[in-house]
Amino acid sequence: MSLAVNDPKLPSEQVADQIRQKINASGYPDGRLPSTRQLAADFGIATQTVRNGLRILVDEGLVFSAGNRGYFITNAVPAGSAAPGPTRGLREEIKEIHSAIQELAARVAALEEISRSGSA
């Protein structure tokens, strides 16, 4: 992988584009991206530039960071394993969980109010 010197895009955008293309071409069958150091070596650029490119893909919801374990493709299912159900984006799942927590908090508040009014 290499970056085009005369491309008007920022190097981080070029990194994101090339990784996106490889993801779309099933270039990471296990769902895990190479380390930022390995990608930096492959591109011949600084690791921070790679991180900036990966941040673009994270913001798009295409990949997610698992901290020190690396970056993984959202909705990727490793070869040889079955998906637990319909695959959905991580962001959608987080939104659903957040909504459920808000509903539960409202129910708890209502029950506390009933409890307070009943003990008065």
N, C-alpha and C. Protein backbone atom coordinates (compact mmCIF):
# COMPACT_ATOMS: atom_id res chain seq x y z
N MET A 1 0.85 -1.17 0.00
CA MET A 1 0.00 0.00 0.00
C MET A 1 0.90 1.23 0.00
N SER A 2 0.47 2.21 -0.74
CA SER A 2 1.24 3.46 -0.76
C SER A 2 0.29 4.63 -0.99
N LEU A 3 0.74 5.79 -0.59
CA LEU A 3 -0.05 7.00 -0.74
C LEU A 3 0.43 7.77 -1.97
N ALA A 4 -0.52 8.43 -2.62
CA ALA A 4 -0.19 9.24 -3.79
C ALA A 4 0.31 10.60 -3.34
N VAL A 5 1.50 10.96 -3.78
CA VAL A 5 2.11 12.22 -3.36
C VAL A 5 1.32 13.41 -3.87
N ASN A 6 0.81 13.33 -5.09
CA ASN A 6 0.11 14.47 -5.69
C ASN A 6 -1.40 14.42 -5.48
N ASP A 7 -1.90 13.55 -4.62
CA ASP A 7 -3.32 13.48 -4.31
C ASP A 7 -3.69 14.67 -3.43
N PRO A 8 -4.77 15.40 -3.76
CA PRO A 8 -5.15 16.55 -2.95
C PRO A 8 -5.70 16.16 -1.56
N LYS A 9 -6.05 14.89 -1.39
CA LYS A 9 -6.57 14.45 -0.09
C LYS A 9 -5.44 14.39 0.93
N LEU A 10 -5.82 14.59 2.20
CA LEU A 10 -4.86 14.44 3.28
C LEU A 10 -4.39 12.99 3.34
N PRO A 11 -3.16 12.77 3.81
CA PRO A 11 -2.68 11.39 3.92
C PRO A 11 -3.61 10.50 4.76
N SER A 12 -4.18 11.04 5.84
CA SER A 12 -5.09 10.23 6.67
C SER A 12 -6.34 9.83 5.88
N GLU A 13 -6.82 10.71 5.00
CA GLU A 13 -7.98 10.39 4.17
C GLU A 13 -7.62 9.31 3.15
N GLN A 14 -6.41 9.38 2.62
CA GLN A 14 -5.95 8.35 1.68
C GLN A 14 -5.85 7.00 2.37
N VAL A 15 -5.34 7.00 3.61
CA VAL A 15 -5.26 5.77 4.39
C VAL A 15 -6.66 5.20 4.58
N ALA A 16 -7.60 6.04 5.00
CA ALA A 16 -8.98 5.59 5.21
C ALA A 16 -9.56 5.02 3.91
N ASP A 17 -9.32 5.70 2.80
CA ASP A 17 -9.83 5.22 1.51
C ASP A 17 -9.29 3.84 1.17
N GLN A 18 -7.98 3.67 1.34
CA GLN A 18 -7.38 2.39 0.97
C GLN A 18 -7.81 1.25 1.89
N ILE A 19 -7.91 1.53 3.18
CA ILE A 19 -8.38 0.50 4.11
C ILE A 19 -9.84 0.18 3.82
N ARG A 20 -10.66 1.20 3.55
CA ARG A 20 -12.06 1.00 3.21
C ARG A 20 -12.19 0.10 1.98
N GLN A 21 -11.38 0.37 0.96
CA GLN A 21 -11.41 -0.45 -0.25
C GLN A 21 -11.05 -1.89 0.05
N LYS A 22 -10.04 -2.07 0.89
CA LYS A 22 -9.62 -3.44 1.22
C LYS A 22 -10.70 -4.15 2.04
N ILE A 23 -11.36 -3.43 2.94
CA ILE A 23 -12.45 -4.02 3.71
C ILE A 23 -13.58 -4.45 2.77
N ASN A 24 -13.93 -3.56 1.84
CA ASN A 24 -15.02 -3.86 0.90
C ASN A 24 -14.67 -5.01 -0.03
N ALA A 25 -13.38 -5.25 -0.24
CA ALA A 25 -12.94 -6.36 -1.08
C ALA A 25 -12.66 -7.61 -0.24
N SER A 26 -13.13 -7.62 1.01
CA SER A 26 -12.93 -8.74 1.94
C SER A 26 -11.46 -9.03 2.16
N GLY A 27 -10.68 -7.96 2.24
CA GLY A 27 -9.24 -8.10 2.43
C GLY A 27 -8.82 -8.46 3.83
N TYR A 28 -9.75 -8.41 4.78
CA TYR A 28 -9.46 -8.79 6.17
C TYR A 28 -10.48 -9.84 6.59
N PRO A 29 -10.31 -11.09 6.14
CA PRO A 29 -11.34 -12.11 6.36
C PRO A 29 -11.61 -12.43 7.83
N ASP A 30 -10.63 -12.20 8.70
CA ASP A 30 -10.88 -12.50 10.12
C ASP A 30 -11.51 -11.32 10.85
N GLY A 31 -11.71 -10.20 10.14
CA GLY A 31 -12.36 -9.04 10.73
C GLY A 31 -11.44 -8.14 11.52
N ARG A 32 -10.18 -8.50 11.60
CA ARG A 32 -9.21 -7.70 12.36
C ARG A 32 -8.25 -7.00 11.41
N LEU A 33 -8.05 -5.71 11.66
CA LEU A 33 -7.10 -4.95 10.87
C LEU A 33 -5.70 -5.16 11.43
N PRO A 34 -4.69 -4.99 10.60
CA PRO A 34 -3.32 -5.06 11.12
C PRO A 34 -3.11 -3.96 12.16
N SER A 35 -2.07 -4.10 12.96
CA SER A 35 -1.77 -3.09 13.97
C SER A 35 -1.45 -1.75 13.31
N THR A 36 -1.59 -0.69 14.08
CA THR A 36 -1.27 0.64 13.52
C THR A 36 0.19 0.69 13.11
N ARG A 37 1.06 0.03 13.86
CA ARG A 37 2.49 0.00 13.48
C ARG A 37 2.68 -0.71 12.15
N GLN A 38 1.99 -1.84 11.97
CA GLN A 38 2.12 -2.58 10.72
C GLN A 38 1.57 -1.77 9.55
N LEU A 39 0.42 -1.13 9.75
CA LEU A 39 -0.15 -0.30 8.69
C LEU A 39 0.78 0.86 8.36
N ALA A 40 1.36 1.48 9.39
CA ALA A 40 2.29 2.59 9.16
C ALA A 40 3.48 2.12 8.34
N ALA A 41 3.99 0.93 8.67
CA ALA A 41 5.12 0.38 7.91
C ALA A 41 4.70 0.09 6.47
N ASP A 42 3.49 -0.48 6.31
CA ASP A 42 2.99 -0.79 4.96
C ASP A 42 2.85 0.46 4.11
N PHE A 43 2.36 1.54 4.71
CA PHE A 43 2.15 2.79 3.99
C PHE A 43 3.42 3.63 3.92
N GLY A 44 4.36 3.38 4.83
CA GLY A 44 5.57 4.19 4.89
C GLY A 44 5.31 5.56 5.48
N ILE A 45 4.42 5.61 6.48
CA ILE A 45 4.05 6.88 7.11
C ILE A 45 4.07 6.73 8.63
N ALA A 46 3.81 7.81 9.33
CA ALA A 46 3.79 7.81 10.80
C ALA A 46 2.55 7.10 11.32
N THR A 47 2.68 6.51 12.50
CA THR A 47 1.54 5.81 13.10
C THR A 47 0.40 6.77 13.41
N GLN A 48 0.70 8.02 13.74
CA GLN A 48 -0.37 8.99 14.03
C GLN A 48 -1.24 9.23 12.79
N THR A 49 -0.62 9.26 11.63
CA THR A 49 -1.39 9.44 10.39
C THR A 49 -2.31 8.24 10.18
N VAL A 50 -1.82 7.05 10.48
CA VAL A 50 -2.66 5.85 10.38
C VAL A 50 -3.81 5.95 11.38
N ARG A 51 -3.52 6.35 12.62
CA ARG A 51 -4.59 6.49 13.62
C ARG A 51 -5.65 7.49 13.16
N ASN A 52 -5.20 8.58 12.55
CA ASN A 52 -6.16 9.58 12.05
C ASN A 52 -7.04 8.98 10.95
N GLY A 53 -6.45 8.17 10.09
CA GLY A 53 -7.23 7.50 9.05
C GLY A 53 -8.20 6.50 9.65
N LEU A 54 -7.76 5.77 10.66
CA LEU A 54 -8.65 4.82 11.32
C LEU A 54 -9.78 5.53 12.04
N ARG A 55 -9.49 6.71 12.60
CA ARG A 55 -10.53 7.49 13.28
C ARG A 55 -11.64 7.85 12.28
N ILE A 56 -11.27 8.15 11.06
CA ILE A 56 -12.28 8.45 10.02
C ILE A 56 -13.20 7.24 9.85
N LEU A 57 -12.59 6.05 9.78
CA LEU A 57 -13.39 4.83 9.60
C LEU A 57 -14.23 4.50 10.83
N VAL A 58 -13.71 4.82 12.01
CA VAL A 58 -14.48 4.64 13.24
C VAL A 58 -15.69 5.57 13.22
N ASP A 59 -15.46 6.84 12.84
CA ASP A 59 -16.56 7.81 12.78
C ASP A 59 -17.63 7.39 11.77
N GLU A 60 -17.22 6.71 10.72
CA GLU A 60 -18.17 6.20 9.72
C GLU A 60 -18.91 4.96 10.22
N GLY A 61 -18.40 4.36 11.28
CA GLY A 61 -19.01 3.13 11.79
C GLY A 61 -18.53 1.88 11.08
N LEU A 62 -17.51 1.99 10.25
CA LEU A 62 -17.01 0.85 9.50
C LEU A 62 -16.11 -0.04 10.35
N VAL A 63 -15.35 0.56 11.25
CA VAL A 63 -14.49 -0.20 12.15
C VAL A 63 -14.68 0.32 13.57
N PHE A 64 -14.21 -0.46 14.54
CA PHE A 64 -14.22 0.00 15.92
C PHE A 64 -12.90 -0.37 16.57
N SER A 65 -12.55 0.40 17.57
CA SER A 65 -11.32 0.17 18.31
C SER A 65 -11.62 -0.66 19.55
N ALA A 66 -10.82 -1.67 19.77
CA ALA A 66 -10.94 -2.49 20.97
C ALA A 66 -9.77 -2.20 21.90
N GLY A 67 -9.42 -0.93 22.01
CA GLY A 67 -8.33 -0.52 22.88
C GLY A 67 -7.00 -1.10 22.43
N ASN A 68 -6.30 -1.71 23.34
CA ASN A 68 -4.98 -2.27 23.03
C ASN A 68 -5.04 -3.53 22.17
N ARG A 69 -6.24 -4.04 21.93
CA ARG A 69 -6.37 -5.24 21.10
C ARG A 69 -6.42 -4.93 19.62
N GLY A 70 -6.60 -3.67 19.25
CA GLY A 70 -6.56 -3.29 17.85
C GLY A 70 -7.89 -2.81 17.30
N TYR A 71 -7.96 -2.77 15.99
CA TYR A 71 -9.15 -2.31 15.29
C TYR A 71 -9.80 -3.49 14.59
N PHE A 72 -11.13 -3.48 14.61
CA PHE A 72 -11.90 -4.57 14.02
C PHE A 72 -12.98 -4.00 13.13
N ILE A 73 -13.36 -4.78 12.13
CA ILE A 73 -14.42 -4.36 11.23
C ILE A 73 -15.75 -4.54 11.93
N THR A 74 -16.58 -3.51 11.91
CA THR A 74 -17.91 -3.59 12.50
C THR A 74 -18.71 -4.63 11.73
N ASN A 75 -19.42 -5.48 12.45
CA ASN A 75 -20.25 -6.54 11.86
C ASN A 75 -19.46 -7.66 11.24
N ALA A 76 -18.15 -7.68 11.42
CA ALA A 76 -17.36 -8.78 10.85
C ALA A 76 -17.59 -10.04 11.67
N VAL A 77 -17.72 -11.14 10.97
CA VAL A 77 -17.85 -12.43 11.62
C VAL A 77 -16.64 -13.25 11.20
N PRO A 78 -15.80 -13.66 12.14
CA PRO A 78 -14.62 -14.44 11.78
C PRO A 78 -14.99 -15.68 10.99
N ALA A 79 -14.12 -16.05 10.08
CA ALA A 79 -14.35 -17.22 9.25
C ALA A 79 -14.55 -18.45 10.13
N GLY A 80 -15.53 -19.27 9.78
CA GLY A 80 -15.79 -20.48 10.52
C GLY A 80 -16.75 -20.32 11.69
N SER A 81 -17.21 -19.10 11.94
CA SER A 81 -18.18 -18.92 13.03
C SER A 81 -19.45 -18.34 12.46
N ALA A 82 -20.54 -18.65 13.10
CA ALA A 82 -21.84 -18.18 12.63
C ALA A 82 -22.21 -16.89 13.33
N ALA A 83 -22.87 -16.04 12.62
CA ALA A 83 -23.36 -14.80 13.22
C ALA A 83 -24.45 -15.15 14.22
N PRO A 84 -24.50 -14.49 15.38
CA PRO A 84 -25.52 -14.81 16.37
C PRO A 84 -26.91 -14.39 15.95
N GLY A 85 -27.05 -13.64 14.92
CA GLY A 85 -28.34 -13.17 14.44
C GLY A 85 -28.09 -12.15 13.37
N PRO A 86 -29.08 -11.37 13.03
CA PRO A 86 -28.84 -10.34 12.03
C PRO A 86 -27.76 -9.39 12.52
N THR A 87 -26.80 -9.14 11.66
CA THR A 87 -25.72 -8.24 12.07
C THR A 87 -26.19 -6.81 11.96
N ARG A 88 -25.82 -6.02 12.98
CA ARG A 88 -26.18 -4.62 13.01
C ARG A 88 -24.95 -3.85 13.43
N GLY A 89 -24.98 -2.58 13.11
CA GLY A 89 -23.87 -1.74 13.50
C GLY A 89 -23.82 -1.55 15.00
N LEU A 90 -22.63 -1.39 15.49
CA LEU A 90 -22.42 -1.19 16.92
C LEU A 90 -23.13 0.06 17.41
N ARG A 91 -23.15 1.10 16.60
CA ARG A 91 -23.82 2.33 17.01
C ARG A 91 -25.30 2.13 17.23
N GLU A 92 -25.94 1.35 16.36
CA GLU A 92 -27.37 1.09 16.52
C GLU A 92 -27.64 0.33 17.82
N GLU A 93 -26.77 -0.64 18.13
CA GLU A 93 -26.93 -1.39 19.36
C GLU A 93 -26.78 -0.49 20.57
N ILE A 94 -25.81 0.39 20.53
CA ILE A 94 -25.59 1.32 21.65
C ILE A 94 -26.79 2.22 21.83
N LYS A 95 -27.35 2.71 20.72
CA LYS A 95 -28.53 3.57 20.80
C LYS A 95 -29.71 2.82 21.43
N GLU A 96 -29.89 1.55 21.06
CA GLU A 96 -30.98 0.76 21.62
C GLU A 96 -30.78 0.56 23.12
N ILE A 97 -29.57 0.26 23.51
CA ILE A 97 -29.27 0.06 24.94
C ILE A 97 -29.50 1.35 25.71
N HIS A 98 -29.04 2.47 25.14
CA HIS A 98 -29.22 3.76 25.79
C HIS A 98 -30.72 4.06 25.97
N SER A 99 -31.51 3.79 24.94
CA SER A 99 -32.95 4.03 25.01
C SER A 99 -33.59 3.15 26.09
N ALA A 100 -33.17 1.89 26.16
CA ALA A 100 -33.72 0.98 27.17
C ALA A 100 -33.37 1.47 28.57
N ILE A 101 -32.16 1.96 28.75
CA ILE A 101 -31.75 2.48 30.06
C ILE A 101 -32.59 3.69 30.44
N GLN A 102 -32.85 4.57 29.48
CA GLN A 102 -33.67 5.75 29.76
C GLN A 102 -35.09 5.33 30.17
N GLU A 103 -35.65 4.35 29.47
CA GLU A 103 -36.99 3.87 29.82
C GLU A 103 -37.01 3.27 31.22
N LEU A 104 -35.99 2.50 31.56
CA LEU A 104 -35.92 1.91 32.90
C LEU A 104 -35.76 2.98 33.97
N ALA A 105 -34.96 4.00 33.69
CA ALA A 105 -34.77 5.09 34.65
C ALA A 105 -36.10 5.82 34.89
N ALA A 106 -36.88 6.02 33.85
CA ALA A 106 -38.18 6.67 34.00
C ALA A 106 -39.12 5.80 34.83
N ARG A 107 -39.10 4.48 34.62
CA ARG A 107 -39.95 3.57 35.41
C ARG A 107 -39.54 3.58 36.87
N VAL A 108 -38.23 3.58 37.14
CA VAL A 108 -37.75 3.62 38.52
C VAL A 108 -38.19 4.91 39.19
N ALA A 109 -38.06 6.03 38.47
CA ALA A 109 -38.46 7.32 39.03
C ALA A 109 -39.96 7.31 39.36
N ALA A 110 -40.77 6.72 38.49
CA ALA A 110 -42.21 6.65 38.73
C ALA A 110 -42.52 5.78 39.95
N LEU A 111 -41.82 4.67 40.07
CA LEU A 111 -42.03 3.80 41.22
C LEU A 111 -41.58 4.47 42.52
N GLU A 112 -40.50 5.21 42.47
CA GLU A 112 -40.05 5.95 43.66
C GLU A 112 -41.06 7.00 44.06
N GLU A 113 -41.67 7.65 43.09
CA GLU A 113 -42.68 8.66 43.37
C GLU A 113 -43.91 8.02 44.02
N ILE A 114 -44.32 6.88 43.50
CA ILE A 114 -45.45 6.16 44.09
C ILE A 114 -45.13 5.75 45.52
N SER A 115 -43.90 5.28 45.72
CA SER A 115 -43.47 4.86 47.06
C SER A 115 -43.46 6.04 48.04
N ARG A 116 -43.00 7.19 47.59
CA ARG A 116 -42.97 8.38 48.45
C ARG A 116 -44.38 8.85 48.79
N SER A 117 -45.26 8.84 47.81
CA SER A 117 -46.63 9.33 48.05
C SER A 117 -47.41 8.33 48.92
N GLY A 118 -47.08 7.08 48.85
CA GLY A 118 -47.76 6.07 49.66
C GLY A 118 -47.32 6.07 51.10
N SER A 119 -46.12 6.56 51.37
CA SER A 119 -45.63 6.59 52.75
C SER A 119 -45.90 7.90 53.43
N ALA A 120 -46.52 8.85 52.78
CA ALA A 120 -46.79 10.17 53.36
C ALA A 120 -48.01 10.18 54.22
